[in-house]
Amino acid sequence: MTVRGKLAKAPLRVDVGRRTQAKAPSAKSISGWAAAALGARAADAEIAVQIVTPAAIRRLNRDYRGKDTPTNVLSFPSTAPAGVVPRPLGDIVICPAVLAREAREQCKPERAHWAHLVIHGTLHLVGYDHEVEADAVRMERKEIAVLRRLGIPNPYRTP
């Protein structure tokens, strides 16, 4: 496809797989949140999102992070060679049961928490991290800015 004599870049491709019957937002919503997190980096990129049970995410968390407990979201950045199109950024795994419990405990709308965790997971795929304080501050600022553009309040403020 060409636009004004230049090759147009394809939009972000997000493949959503469901391994649970738990309630989750539409693939369109998940794709929109991921694209908002990536901005210009979304062009010609691809992400896989898996929606899983607490048991499944617990196994992944144990096997890859050494933490034998269910968690809300995990990210697995891709190490694909340069030049591959669409550019695979990696996989995000989300557990709706943990997410819903956290939203209730934190008095947040569940949909807002979904948006936050998709954005959080997506940012991990492109190098954001929170292992040291300076990186955590940088990542939180980015999350807050993206969420604000989507009309979602700061998730780090207590209600």
Protein backbone atom coordinates (compact mmCIF):
# COMPACT_ATOMS: atom_id res chain seq x y z
CA MET A 1 0.00 0.00 0.00
CA THR A 2 1.34 3.46 -0.76
CA VAL A 3 0.39 6.85 0.61
CA ARG A 4 1.76 9.98 -1.09
CA GLY A 5 4.51 7.93 -2.71
CA LYS A 6 5.69 6.31 0.51
CA LEU A 7 5.04 2.88 1.91
CA ALA A 8 2.35 3.05 4.56
CA LYS A 9 3.06 1.28 7.78
CA ALA A 10 0.54 -1.26 9.01
CA PRO A 11 -1.19 -0.64 12.35
CA LEU A 12 -0.32 -2.64 15.43
CA ARG A 13 -1.47 -6.24 15.19
CA VAL A 14 -2.65 -7.77 18.45
CA ASP A 15 -3.59 -11.44 18.63
CA VAL A 16 -5.75 -12.17 21.67
CA GLY A 17 -6.11 -15.75 22.88
CA ARG A 18 -8.46 -16.84 25.63
CA ARG A 19 -7.64 -19.79 27.85
CA THR A 20 -10.40 -19.04 30.34
CA GLN A 21 -14.09 -18.16 30.25
CA ALA A 22 -13.52 -15.25 32.63
CA LYS A 23 -14.83 -11.84 31.59
CA ALA A 24 -12.37 -9.76 29.58
CA PRO A 25 -12.56 -6.66 27.38
CA SER A 26 -12.81 -7.01 23.61
CA ALA A 27 -9.77 -7.59 21.44
CA LYS A 28 -10.42 -4.13 19.98
CA SER A 29 -10.13 -2.50 23.43
CA ILE A 30 -6.98 -4.46 24.27
CA SER A 31 -5.45 -3.49 20.90
CA GLY A 32 -6.31 0.16 21.45
CA TRP A 33 -4.68 0.25 24.87
CA ALA A 34 -1.53 -1.47 23.58
CA ALA A 35 -1.33 0.91 20.60
CA ALA A 36 -1.73 3.91 22.92
CA ALA A 37 1.19 2.66 25.02
CA LEU A 38 3.40 2.22 21.96
CA GLY A 39 2.59 5.41 20.09
CA ALA A 40 4.64 5.57 16.88
CA ARG A 41 6.34 2.27 17.77
CA ALA A 42 3.02 0.50 17.08
CA ALA A 43 3.50 0.68 13.31
CA ASP A 44 4.35 -2.69 11.77
CA ALA A 45 4.46 -4.32 15.22
CA GLU A 46 2.72 -7.39 16.61
CA ILE A 47 1.84 -8.47 20.15
CA ALA A 48 0.23 -11.66 21.45
CA VAL A 49 -2.03 -11.37 24.50
CA GLN A 50 -3.14 -14.48 26.38
CA ILE A 51 -5.97 -14.34 28.89
CA VAL A 52 -5.45 -17.17 31.36
CA THR A 53 -6.54 -18.82 34.61
CA PRO A 54 -4.86 -18.22 37.98
CA ALA A 55 -3.27 -21.69 37.78
CA ALA A 56 -1.74 -20.95 34.38
CA ILE A 57 -0.28 -17.58 35.36
CA ARG A 58 0.97 -19.05 38.65
CA ARG A 59 2.95 -21.70 36.70
CA LEU A 60 4.44 -19.04 34.42
CA ASN A 61 5.28 -16.77 37.35
CA ARG A 62 6.95 -19.69 39.16
CA ASP A 63 8.84 -20.96 36.11
CA TYR A 64 10.06 -17.59 34.78
CA ARG A 65 10.26 -15.39 37.86
CA GLY A 66 10.68 -17.86 40.71
CA LYS A 67 7.49 -16.60 42.41
CA ASP A 68 5.01 -19.40 43.14
CA THR A 69 1.89 -17.25 43.23
CA PRO A 70 -0.65 -16.01 40.69
CA THR A 71 0.01 -12.49 39.42
CA ASN A 72 -1.94 -9.99 37.34
CA VAL A 73 0.23 -9.61 34.24
CA LEU A 74 3.45 -11.03 32.82
CA SER A 75 5.37 -9.84 29.77
CA PHE A 76 7.75 -11.80 27.60
CA PRO A 77 9.64 -9.55 25.15
CA SER A 78 10.53 -11.02 21.79
CA THR A 79 14.06 -11.53 20.56
CA ALA A 80 13.13 -11.80 16.88
CA PRO A 81 15.79 -10.81 14.33
CA ALA A 82 15.74 -7.31 12.88
CA GLY A 83 13.83 -6.79 9.66
CA VAL A 84 10.96 -9.17 10.42
CA VAL A 85 7.58 -7.59 9.55
CA PRO A 86 5.32 -7.43 11.39
CA ARG A 87 7.88 -6.87 14.14
CA PRO A 88 7.00 -9.24 17.01
CA LEU A 89 7.34 -7.35 20.28
CA GLY A 90 6.43 -10.30 22.49
CA ASP A 91 3.69 -11.82 24.59
CA ILE A 92 1.56 -10.46 27.41
CA VAL A 93 -0.26 -12.84 29.75
CA ILE A 94 -3.12 -11.49 31.88
CA CYS A 95 -5.16 -13.21 34.57
CA PRO A 96 -8.68 -11.73 34.80
CA ALA A 97 -9.35 -13.33 38.20
CA VAL A 98 -6.35 -11.63 39.83
CA LEU A 99 -7.06 -8.39 37.97
CA ALA A 100 -10.71 -8.33 39.13
CA ARG A 101 -9.72 -9.01 42.75
CA GLU A 102 -7.15 -6.20 42.67
CA ALA A 103 -9.66 -3.78 41.14
CA ARG A 104 -12.13 -4.52 43.95
CA GLU A 105 -9.45 -4.22 46.66
CA GLN A 106 -8.13 -0.95 45.19
CA CYS A 107 -11.62 0.48 44.56
CA LYS A 108 -10.87 0.94 40.85
CA PRO A 109 -13.15 0.35 37.89
CA GLU A 110 -12.24 -3.05 36.46
CA ARG A 111 -12.03 -1.68 32.90
CA ALA A 112 -9.55 1.01 34.02
CA HIS A 113 -7.41 -1.67 35.68
CA TRP A 114 -7.51 -3.73 32.46
CA ALA A 115 -6.29 -0.69 30.51
CA HIS A 116 -3.53 -0.06 33.03
CA LEU A 117 -2.28 -3.65 32.97
CA VAL A 118 -2.33 -3.90 29.17
CA ILE A 119 -0.37 -0.65 28.98
CA HIS A 120 2.00 -1.82 31.74
CA GLY A 121 2.63 -5.14 30.00
CA THR A 122 3.10 -3.48 26.62
CA LEU A 123 5.67 -1.05 28.01
CA HIS A 124 7.65 -3.99 29.38
CA LEU A 125 7.83 -5.36 25.83
CA VAL A 126 9.65 -2.24 24.64
CA GLY A 127 12.17 -1.99 27.47
CA TYR A 128 10.42 -0.23 30.34
CA ASP A 129 11.04 -1.79 33.73
CA HIS A 130 10.58 -1.07 37.44
CA GLU A 131 13.37 -3.05 39.09
CA VAL A 132 15.20 0.07 40.29
CA GLU A 133 13.55 3.25 41.57
CA ALA A 134 14.57 5.55 38.69
CA ASP A 135 13.21 3.08 36.11
CA ALA A 136 10.02 2.60 38.12
CA VAL A 137 9.41 6.36 38.20
CA ARG A 138 10.01 6.60 34.43
CA MET A 139 7.62 3.71 33.72
CA GLU A 140 4.90 5.01 36.06
CA ARG A 141 5.08 8.47 34.47
CA LYS A 142 4.64 6.93 31.03
CA GLU A 143 1.70 4.79 32.21
CA ILE A 144 0.01 7.78 33.85
CA ALA A 145 0.45 9.91 30.70
CA VAL A 146 -0.98 7.23 28.40
CA LEU A 147 -3.90 6.56 30.73
CA ARG A 148 -4.61 10.30 31.04
CA ARG A 149 -4.86 10.55 27.24
CA LEU A 150 -7.43 7.75 27.41
CA GLY A 151 -9.42 9.56 30.13
CA ILE A 152 -8.39 7.11 32.87
CA PRO A 153 -7.21 8.46 36.24
CA ASN A 154 -3.78 7.88 37.75
CA PRO A 155 -3.79 4.26 38.98
CA TYR A 156 -1.10 4.97 41.58
CA ARG A 157 -3.26 7.38 43.57
CA THR A 158 -5.44 5.85 46.24
CA PRO A 159 -9.14 6.76 45.96
